[in-house]
Amino acid sequence: MMSPSTLKPPATYAEWVELLDKLRKKDDDYGVMEAMHKGTIVWQSGVAERFSQKLIDTINDRMNAAVDKFQKDMGRTNGHEGAIIQALLSLRKEFSFLYQVINLPVIPEKDRPRYCSLVREQADKAQSSLEDSAKKDRTGKMASIVKNHKVNNF
C-alpha cells in the first residue's frame, strides 16, 4: 500500500507549476495526483490559460515519454510474448494514470471532457497504430496480443 503523501494541495499558480514539474519528472506520481485532485485555483482569465497550457504541456510530455519507452521496450522483446504484453500493459497503465490526472475537479466541469479527450485520443491513436502494424505479422499472433491487451482500455 502507498504511504500517504505529504504534498500540499496547490492553491496558487506557482504551487501548481511546482506540482506539474514534479509530475513531469515522475516524482511521487500518486502523491502528486492526490494533491492535484485536492488543489484549487481561481479560474480567471490569464491564470486559467497559463494553467491549462502548463497542464496540457506536462501531460503531452508524459505521453510522449511513455510512447518512447514503449518503443524501446518493444525493441527489446525479441518477439517474446510475455515481454510484449508487459510493454503494452505498461503503456496502458501510463495512459490510465494520465487520464486520471487530467480529470481534475479544479477544471470547470464543462471543460473537463475536452481535457480528458487529449489522453483518450492519444491512447486510441496508439492502439490503432499497433493494430495496423500487427497486420504485418502473418501468424496473427501479434494481432491477437494487441487486441487482447489494448492500450486504450481504461
Protein backbone atom coordinates (compact mmCIF):
# COMPACT_ATOMS: atom_id res chain seq x y z
CA MET A 1 0.00 0.00 0.00
CA MET A 2 1.23 3.51 -0.79
CA SER A 3 2.06 5.69 2.16
CA PRO A 4 0.01 8.87 2.40
CA SER A 5 1.64 11.76 0.61
CA THR A 6 2.72 14.89 2.41
CA LEU A 7 2.33 17.09 -0.67
CA LYS A 8 0.30 20.20 -0.04
CA PRO A 9 -2.66 20.70 -2.38
CA PRO A 10 -1.84 23.65 -4.68
CA ALA A 11 -3.81 26.87 -4.41
CA THR A 12 -1.72 29.35 -6.42
CA TYR A 13 -0.43 29.20 -9.97
CA ALA A 14 3.15 28.95 -8.66
CA GLU A 15 2.22 25.95 -6.48
CA TRP A 16 0.54 24.30 -9.47
CA VAL A 17 3.66 24.86 -11.60
CA GLU A 18 5.80 23.26 -8.88
CA LEU A 19 3.49 20.22 -8.73
CA LEU A 20 3.30 19.90 -12.52
CA ASP A 21 7.11 19.93 -12.66
CA LYS A 22 7.11 17.02 -10.17
CA LEU A 23 4.59 15.24 -12.40
CA ARG A 24 6.74 15.84 -15.49
CA LYS A 25 9.74 14.32 -13.67
CA LYS A 26 7.66 11.35 -12.41
CA ASP A 27 8.48 12.40 -8.86
CA ASP A 28 5.89 10.83 -6.50
CA ASP A 29 3.19 10.30 -9.16
CA TYR A 30 0.40 9.20 -6.84
CA GLY A 31 1.20 11.84 -4.23
CA VAL A 32 1.20 14.49 -6.93
CA MET A 33 -2.11 13.23 -8.35
CA GLU A 34 -3.68 13.21 -4.88
CA ALA A 35 -2.51 16.78 -4.18
CA MET A 36 -3.68 17.95 -7.62
CA HIS A 37 -7.15 16.49 -7.08
CA LYS A 38 -7.43 18.36 -3.77
CA GLY A 39 -6.00 21.58 -5.22
CA THR A 40 -7.79 24.79 -6.05
CA ILE A 41 -7.15 27.67 -8.40
CA VAL A 42 -9.06 30.83 -9.20
CA TRP A 43 -10.35 30.13 -12.70
CA GLN A 44 -9.98 33.61 -14.14
CA SER A 45 -8.72 34.98 -17.42
CA GLY A 46 -4.93 34.86 -17.67
CA VAL A 47 -4.38 32.36 -14.89
CA ALA A 48 -6.73 29.79 -16.43
CA GLU A 49 -5.00 29.94 -19.82
CA ARG A 50 -1.48 29.68 -18.34
CA PHE A 51 -2.55 26.87 -16.02
CA SER A 52 -4.26 24.97 -18.86
CA GLN A 53 -1.24 25.30 -21.14
CA LYS A 54 1.14 24.12 -18.43
CA LEU A 55 -1.12 21.16 -17.59
CA ILE A 56 -1.52 20.15 -21.25
CA ASP A 57 2.22 20.51 -21.95
CA THR A 58 3.03 18.35 -18.93
CA ILE A 59 0.53 15.64 -19.92
CA ASN A 60 1.82 15.69 -23.52
CA ASP A 61 5.43 15.34 -22.30
CA ARG A 62 4.44 12.34 -20.19
CA MET A 63 2.52 10.73 -23.08
CA ASN A 64 5.46 11.25 -25.45
CA ALA A 65 7.85 9.77 -22.88
CA ALA A 66 5.51 6.79 -22.41
CA VAL A 67 5.36 6.12 -26.15
CA ASP A 68 9.17 6.42 -26.42
CA LYS A 69 9.61 4.00 -23.53
CA PHE A 70 7.11 1.62 -25.12
CA GLN A 71 9.02 1.68 -28.42
CA LYS A 72 12.30 0.95 -26.61
CA ASP A 73 10.64 -1.85 -24.62
CA MET A 74 9.23 -3.34 -27.84
CA GLY A 75 12.69 -3.19 -29.41
CA ARG A 76 13.98 -5.36 -26.57
CA THR A 77 11.21 -8.00 -26.61
CA ASN A 78 12.82 -10.23 -29.28
CA GLY A 79 9.30 -11.39 -30.05
CA HIS A 80 8.75 -12.84 -26.58
CA GLU A 81 5.02 -12.74 -25.90
CA GLY A 82 5.39 -12.01 -22.17
CA ALA A 83 7.67 -9.03 -22.82
CA ILE A 84 5.33 -7.67 -25.50
CA ILE A 85 2.35 -7.95 -23.14
CA GLN A 86 4.35 -6.27 -20.36
CA ALA A 87 5.22 -3.36 -22.68
CA LEU A 88 1.56 -2.98 -23.71
CA LEU A 89 0.32 -3.08 -20.11
CA SER A 90 2.94 -0.57 -19.02
CA LEU A 91 1.80 1.86 -21.74
CA ARG A 92 -1.87 1.31 -20.81
CA LYS A 93 -1.08 1.96 -17.14
CA GLU A 94 0.58 5.29 -18.00
CA PHE A 95 -2.33 6.38 -20.23
CA SER A 96 -4.78 5.40 -17.50
CA PHE A 97 -2.80 7.33 -14.87
CA LEU A 98 -2.60 10.45 -17.06
CA TYR A 99 -6.32 10.22 -17.78
CA GLN A 100 -6.99 10.25 -14.03
CA VAL A 101 -4.54 13.12 -13.52
CA ILE A 102 -6.06 15.40 -16.16
CA ASN A 103 -9.62 14.76 -14.95
CA LEU A 104 -9.21 17.45 -12.29
CA PRO A 105 -12.06 18.81 -10.16
CA VAL A 106 -10.40 22.25 -10.43
CA ILE A 107 -11.17 22.34 -14.17
CA PRO A 108 -14.70 23.59 -14.85
CA GLU A 109 -16.99 20.61 -15.45
CA LYS A 110 -18.00 21.81 -18.91
CA ASP A 111 -14.31 21.83 -20.00
CA ARG A 112 -13.18 18.56 -18.41
CA PRO A 113 -14.23 16.24 -21.28
CA ARG A 114 -12.03 18.24 -23.66
CA TYR A 115 -9.00 17.77 -21.39
CA CYS A 116 -9.70 14.06 -20.88
CA SER A 117 -10.05 13.57 -24.63
CA LEU A 118 -6.39 14.59 -25.07
CA VAL A 119 -5.31 11.39 -23.33
CA ARG A 120 -8.14 9.25 -24.74
CA GLU A 121 -7.36 10.29 -28.34
CA GLN A 122 -3.63 9.61 -27.92
CA ALA A 123 -4.36 6.15 -26.48
CA ASP A 124 -6.84 5.42 -29.30
CA LYS A 125 -4.26 6.53 -31.88
CA ALA A 126 -1.59 4.32 -30.30
CA GLN A 127 -3.97 1.33 -30.27
CA SER A 128 -4.94 1.89 -33.89
CA SER A 129 -1.29 2.15 -34.91
CA LEU A 130 -0.45 -1.05 -33.02
CA GLU A 131 -3.31 -2.90 -34.72
CA ASP A 132 -2.15 -1.66 -38.14
CA SER A 133 1.44 -2.78 -37.61
CA ALA A 134 0.28 -6.12 -36.16
CA LYS A 135 -1.34 -6.87 -39.53
CA LYS A 136 2.18 -7.34 -40.96
CA ASP A 137 2.62 -10.43 -38.76
CA ARG A 138 1.26 -13.26 -40.92
CA THR A 139 0.88 -15.64 -37.98
CA GLY A 140 -1.78 -13.40 -36.46
CA LYS A 141 -0.11 -13.81 -33.07
CA MET A 142 0.80 -10.12 -32.75
CA ALA A 143 -2.72 -9.03 -33.77
CA SER A 144 -4.16 -11.28 -31.08
CA ILE A 145 -1.80 -9.93 -28.40
CA VAL A 146 -2.52 -6.30 -29.38
CA LYS A 147 -6.30 -6.89 -29.39
CA ASN A 148 -6.26 -8.75 -26.05
CA HIS A 149 -4.12 -6.13 -24.27
CA LYS A 150 -5.44 -2.83 -25.60
CA VAL A 151 -3.53 0.26 -24.51
CA ASN A 152 -6.73 2.35 -24.69
CA ASN A 153 -8.74 0.07 -22.40
CA PHE A 154 -9.00 2.17 -19.24
